[in-house]
C-alpha atoms as a PDB file:
ATOM      1  CA  UNK A   1       7.539 -13.561   2.748  1.00  0.00           C
ATOM      2  CA  UNK A   2       3.933 -11.496   1.846  1.00  0.00           C
ATOM      3  CA  UNK A   3       1.881 -13.284   0.135  1.00  0.00           C
ATOM      4  CA  UNK A   4      -0.708 -11.047  -1.761  1.00  0.00           C
ATOM      5  CA  UNK A   5      -4.085 -12.251  -3.194  1.00  0.00           C
ATOM      6  CA  UNK A   6      -4.131 -10.705  -6.663  1.00  0.00           C
ATOM      7  CA  UNK A   7      -6.995  -7.787  -5.734  1.00  0.00           C
ATOM      8  CA  UNK A   8     -10.258  -6.789  -7.021  1.00  0.00           C
ATOM      9  CA  UNK A   9      -9.284  -3.666  -6.543  1.00  0.00           C
ATOM     10  CA  UNK A  10      -6.549  -1.753  -6.071  1.00  0.00           C
ATOM     11  CA  UNK A  11      -5.512   0.717  -3.406  1.00  0.00           C
ATOM     12  CA  UNK A  12      -3.468   3.803  -3.865  1.00  0.00           C
ATOM     13  CA  UNK A  13      -0.018   1.839  -2.335  1.00  0.00           C
ATOM     14  CA  UNK A  14      -0.643  -1.920  -3.199  1.00  0.00           C
ATOM     15  CA  UNK A  15       0.196  -0.457  -7.093  1.00  0.00           C
ATOM     16  CA  UNK A  16       3.544  -0.239  -7.479  1.00  0.00           C
ATOM     17  CA  UNK A  17       4.710  -2.974  -5.303  1.00  0.00           C
ATOM     18  CA  UNK A  18       6.978  -5.974  -7.576  1.00  0.00           C
ATOM     19  CA  UNK A  19       6.170  -9.503  -7.692  1.00  0.00           C
ATOM     20  CA  UNK A  20       9.193 -11.228  -6.347  1.00  0.00           C
ATOM     21  CA  UNK A  21      10.535  -8.216  -4.776  1.00  0.00           C
ATOM     22  CA  UNK A  22       7.959  -6.937  -2.577  1.00  0.00           C
ATOM     23  CA  UNK A  23       5.613 -10.049  -2.625  1.00  0.00           C
ATOM     24  CA  UNK A  24       4.691 -13.335  -3.617  1.00  0.00           C
ATOM     25  CA  UNK A  25       2.009 -13.243  -6.071  1.00  0.00           C
ATOM     26  CA  UNK A  26      -1.263 -15.225  -5.535  1.00  0.00           C
ATOM     27  CA  UNK A  27      -3.903 -16.112  -7.935  1.00  0.00           C
ATOM     28  CA  UNK A  28      -7.308 -15.720  -6.748  1.00  0.00           C
ATOM     29  CA  UNK A  29      -8.533 -18.961  -8.598  1.00  0.00           C
ATOM     30  CA  UNK A  30      -6.062 -20.956  -7.693  1.00  0.00           C
ATOM     31  CA  UNK A  31      -5.355 -19.711  -4.035  1.00  0.00           C
ATOM     32  CA  UNK A  32      -5.066 -22.798  -1.690  1.00  0.00           C
ATOM     33  CA  UNK A  33      -2.313 -24.862  -4.406  1.00  0.00           C
ATOM     34  CA  UNK A  34      -0.438 -21.484  -4.710  1.00  0.00           C
ATOM     35  CA  UNK A  35      -0.264 -20.712  -1.176  1.00  0.00           C
ATOM     36  CA  UNK A  36       1.333 -24.688  -0.677  1.00  0.00           C
ATOM     37  CA  UNK A  37       3.748 -24.112  -3.261  1.00  0.00           C
ATOM     38  CA  UNK A  38       4.308 -20.743  -1.960  1.00  0.00           C
ATOM     39  CA  UNK A  39       5.207 -21.874   1.447  1.00  0.00           C
ATOM     40  CA  UNK A  40       7.088 -25.015   0.018  1.00  0.00           C
ATOM     41  CA  UNK A  41       8.995 -22.341  -2.297  1.00  0.00           C
ATOM     42  CA  UNK A  42       9.580 -20.251   0.512  1.00  0.00           C
ATOM     43  CA  UNK A  43      10.732 -23.046   3.187  1.00  0.00           C
ATOM     44  CA  UNK A  44      13.091 -24.639   0.227  1.00  0.00           C
ATOM     45  CA  UNK A  45      14.794 -21.119  -0.418  1.00  0.00           C
ATOM     46  CA  UNK A  46      14.815 -19.727   3.124  1.00  0.00           C
ATOM     47  CA  UNK A  47      17.456 -17.038   2.293  1.00  0.00           C
ATOM     48  CA  UNK A  48      15.180 -15.547  -0.881  1.00  0.00           C
ATOM     49  CA  UNK A  49      11.415 -15.952   0.360  1.00  0.00           C
ATOM     50  CA  UNK A  50      13.640 -13.763   4.150  1.00  0.00           C
ATOM     51  CA  UNK A  51      14.711 -10.972   1.031  1.00  0.00           C
ATOM     52  CA  UNK A  52      11.222 -11.269  -0.299  1.00  0.00           C
ATOM     53  CA  UNK A  53       9.981 -10.335   2.687  1.00  0.00           C
ATOM     54  CA  UNK A  54      12.584  -7.259   3.441  1.00  0.00           C
ATOM     55  CA  UNK A  55      11.695  -5.722   0.705  1.00  0.00           C
ATOM     56  CA  UNK A  56       7.856  -5.872   1.327  1.00  0.00           C
ATOM     57  CA  UNK A  57       8.599  -4.329   4.709  1.00  0.00           C
ATOM     58  CA  UNK A  58      11.026  -1.883   3.035  1.00  0.00           C
ATOM     59  CA  UNK A  59       8.823  -0.838   1.146  1.00  0.00           C
ATOM     60  CA  UNK A  60       5.730  -0.123   3.577  1.00  0.00           C
ATOM     61  CA  UNK A  61       8.103   1.423   5.669  1.00  0.00           C
ATOM     62  CA  UNK A  62       9.058   3.386   3.097  1.00  0.00           C
ATOM     63  CA  UNK A  63       5.947   4.159   0.895  1.00  0.00           C
ATOM     64  CA  UNK A  64       3.346   3.764   3.871  1.00  0.00           C
ATOM     65  CA  UNK A  65       3.995   7.126   5.656  1.00  0.00           C
ATOM     66  CA  UNK A  66       1.051   8.768   7.404  1.00  0.00           C
ATOM     67  CA  UNK A  67       2.066  12.463   5.537  1.00  0.00           C
ATOM     68  CA  UNK A  68       1.733  10.201   2.026  1.00  0.00           C
ATOM     69  CA  UNK A  69      -1.782   9.139   3.505  1.00  0.00           C
ATOM     70  CA  UNK A  70      -2.953  12.156   4.375  1.00  0.00           C
ATOM     71  CA  UNK A  71      -1.397  13.650   1.152  1.00  0.00           C
ATOM     72  CA  UNK A  72      -3.899  11.564  -0.794  1.00  0.00           C
ATOM     73  CA  UNK A  73      -6.283  11.454   1.144  1.00  0.00           C
ATOM     74  CA  UNK A  74      -6.515  14.977   1.026  1.00  0.00           C
ATOM     75  CA  UNK A  75      -5.590  14.610  -3.298  1.00  0.00           C
ATOM     76  CA  UNK A  76      -8.731  12.364  -3.114  1.00  0.00           C
ATOM     77  CA  UNK A  77     -11.294  14.291  -1.234  1.00  0.00           C
ATOM     78  CA  UNK A  78     -10.888  17.949  -3.138  1.00  0.00           C
ATOM     79  CA  UNK A  79     -11.490  15.687  -6.335  1.00  0.00           C
ATOM     80  CA  UNK A  80     -14.424  14.336  -4.723  1.00  0.00           C
ATOM     81  CA  UNK A  81     -15.501  18.150  -3.935  1.00  0.00           C
ATOM     82  CA  UNK A  82     -15.555  18.979  -7.239  1.00  0.00           C
ATOM     83  CA  UNK A  83     -18.318  16.867  -7.920  1.00  0.00           C
ATOM     84  CA  UNK A  84     -20.385  17.152  -5.501  1.00  0.00           C
ATOM     85  CA  UNK A  85     -24.290  19.475  -6.675  1.00  0.00           C
ATOM     86  CA  UNK A  86     -24.846  20.608  -3.071  1.00  0.00           C
ATOM     87  CA  UNK A  87     -23.693  23.104  -0.734  1.00  0.00           C
ATOM     88  CA  UNK A  88     -22.393  21.220   2.610  1.00  0.00           C
ATOM     89  CA  UNK A  89     -23.374  22.757   5.761  1.00  0.00           C
ATOM     90  CA  UNK A  90     -22.353  21.831   9.990  1.00  0.00           C
ATOM     91  CA  UNK A  91     -25.319  20.312  11.229  1.00  0.00           C
ATOM     92  CA  UNK A  92     -26.500  22.794  14.562  1.00  0.00           C
ATOM     93  CA  UNK A  93     -25.709  21.298  17.692  1.00  0.00           C
ATOM     94  CA  UNK A  94     -22.319  19.049  16.312  1.00  0.00           C
ATOM     95  CA  UNK A  95     -19.229  18.488  18.732  1.00  0.00           C
ATOM     96  CA  UNK A  96     -15.763  19.181  17.107  1.00  0.00           C
ATOM     97  CA  UNK A  97     -13.518  16.036  18.000  1.00  0.00           C
ATOM     98  CA  UNK A  98     -10.211  16.881  17.929  1.00  0.00           C
ATOM     99  CA  UNK A  99      -7.153  13.887  17.901  1.00  0.00           C
ATOM    100  CA  UNK A 100      -5.703  15.468  20.092  1.00  0.00           C
ATOM    101  CA  UNK A 101      -8.870  14.947  22.760  1.00  0.00           C
ATOM    102  CA  UNK A 102      -9.559  11.087  21.508  1.00  0.00           C
ATOM    103  CA  UNK A 103      -5.752  10.141  22.156  1.00  0.00           C
ATOM    104  CA  UNK A 104      -6.355  10.956  26.106  1.00  0.00           C
ATOM    105  CA  UNK A 105      -7.830   8.284  27.053  1.00  0.00           C
ATOM    106  CA  UNK A 106      -6.210   5.682  25.198  1.00  0.00           C
ATOM    107  CA  UNK A 107      -3.395   3.514  26.443  1.00  0.00           C
ATOM    108  CA  UNK A 108      -0.071   1.588  25.378  1.00  0.00           C
ATOM    109  CA  UNK A 109      -0.081   0.744  21.837  1.00  0.00           C
ATOM    110  CA  UNK A 110      -3.298   2.443  20.785  1.00  0.00           C
ATOM    111  CA  UNK A 111      -2.295   5.654  22.182  1.00  0.00           C
ATOM    112  CA  UNK A 112       1.999   5.562  20.304  1.00  0.00           C
ATOM    113  CA  UNK A 113      -0.023   5.367  17.372  1.00  0.00           C
ATOM    114  CA  UNK A 114      -2.373   7.976  17.455  1.00  0.00           C
ATOM    115  CA  UNK A 115      -0.151  10.426  18.255  1.00  0.00           C
ATOM    116  CA  UNK A 116       2.398   9.137  15.937  1.00  0.00           C
ATOM    117  CA  UNK A 117      -0.331   9.930  13.245  1.00  0.00           C
ATOM    118  CA  UNK A 118      -1.354  13.254  14.444  1.00  0.00           C
ATOM    119  CA  UNK A 119      -0.692  16.102  12.502  1.00  0.00           C
ATOM    120  CA  UNK A 120       1.039  18.578  14.889  1.00  0.00           C
ATOM    121  CA  UNK A 121       1.954  21.307  11.978  1.00  0.00           C
ATOM    122  CA  UNK A 122       1.361  21.897   8.805  1.00  0.00           C
ATOM    123  CA  UNK A 123       3.839  19.810   6.205  1.00  0.00           C
ATOM    124  CA  UNK A 124       7.457  20.924   4.931  1.00  0.00           C
ATOM    125  CA  UNK A 125       6.298  20.388   1.662  1.00  0.00           C
ATOM    126  CA  UNK A 126       3.239  21.747  -0.445  1.00  0.00           C
ATOM    127  CA  UNK A 127      -0.199  19.020  -0.459  1.00  0.00           C
ATOM    128  CA  UNK A 128       0.295  15.868  -2.938  1.00  0.00           C
ATOM    129  CA  UNK A 129       3.654  16.610  -4.086  1.00  0.00           C
ATOM    130  CA  UNK A 130       2.703  13.339  -6.276  1.00  0.00           C
ATOM    131  CA  UNK A 131       5.264  11.825  -8.558  1.00  0.00           C
ATOM    132  CA  UNK A 132       5.905  12.863 -11.841  1.00  0.00           C
ATOM    133  CA  UNK A 133       2.993  10.346 -13.672  1.00  0.00           C
ATOM    134  CA  UNK A 134       4.747   7.186 -16.045  1.00  0.00           C
ATOM    135  CA  UNK A 135       4.920   8.541 -19.630  1.00  0.00           C
ATOM    136  CA  UNK A 136       2.843   5.775 -21.477  1.00  0.00           C
ATOM    137  CA  UNK A 137       5.873   3.978 -22.179  1.00  0.00           C
ATOM    138  CA  UNK A 138       7.392   3.484 -19.001  1.00  0.00           C
ATOM    139  CA  UNK A 139       3.447   2.698 -17.713  1.00  0.00           C
ATOM    140  CA  UNK A 140       3.539  -0.303 -20.215  1.00  0.00           C
ATOM    141  CA  UNK A 141       6.785  -1.774 -19.290  1.00  0.00           C
ATOM    142  CA  UNK A 142       6.043  -1.531 -15.806  1.00  0.00           C
ATOM    143  CA  UNK A 143       2.831  -3.614 -16.288  1.00  0.00           C
ATOM    144  CA  UNK A 144       4.625  -5.938 -18.495  1.00  0.00           C
ATOM    145  CA  UNK A 145       8.116  -6.617 -16.020  1.00  0.00           C
ATOM    146  CA  UNK A 146       4.630  -7.585 -13.142  1.00  0.00           C
ATOM    147  CA  UNK A 147       2.753  -9.058 -16.026  1.00  0.00           C
ATOM    148  CA  UNK A 148       6.255 -11.049 -17.027  1.00  0.00           C
ATOM    149  CA  UNK A 149       6.888 -12.016 -13.117  1.00  0.00           C
ATOM    150  CA  UNK A 150       3.533 -13.306 -12.073  1.00  0.00           C
ATOM    151  CA  UNK A 151       4.031 -16.018 -15.509  1.00  0.00           C
ATOM    152  CA  UNK A 152       7.425 -16.970 -13.795  1.00  0.00           C
ATOM    153  CA  UNK A 153       5.143 -18.434 -10.661  1.00  0.00           C
ATOM    154  CA  UNK A 154       2.416 -19.387 -12.107  1.00  0.00           C
ATOM    155  CA  UNK A 155       4.210 -21.634 -14.727  1.00  0.00           C
ATOM    156  CA  UNK A 156       6.783 -22.505 -11.729  1.00  0.00           C
ATOM    157  CA  UNK A 157       9.453 -20.949 -13.117  1.00  0.00           C
ATOM    158  CA  UNK A 158      11.611 -18.468 -11.220  1.00  0.00           C
ATOM    159  CA  UNK A 159      15.070 -17.214 -12.420  1.00  0.00           C
ATOM    160  CA  UNK A 160      18.117 -17.979 -10.713  1.00  0.00           C
ATOM    161  CA  UNK A 161      18.586 -14.659  -8.647  1.00  0.00           C
ATOM    162  CA  UNK A 162      16.051 -13.916  -6.930  1.00  0.00           C
END
């Protein structure tokens, strides 16, 4: 079961994680006490803890593919480009390095993950096929659901359906 310490800043894929479905929430303020409780609870409810762990694993497998990382980076870099106040230039003597040349000298798992992450051909879909944004109502419902689940953990009142 993944324990997720309440972050100060969120990255692009953790925003849609759901407490008690993908992870066990841990407050940064009472970390030691909450980690002990989570471990004790997990040891007492092995099947439920395993279900949460599998939910987190499946979330990562489904939502953290390199294609999605590249789409996000493409979207992010294009947004930053609009903020530039100068015209970038390639410095004289610069050498282009490509992933294929970097992967050649690697062995084992490092080479496997480097090759797996390479973009060999253009995407089948347009870049940044982002999901539709939440409506105000669905966004507030989503945030409220997360807060309710985190509140259950904080008050030690997890419902029986877990």
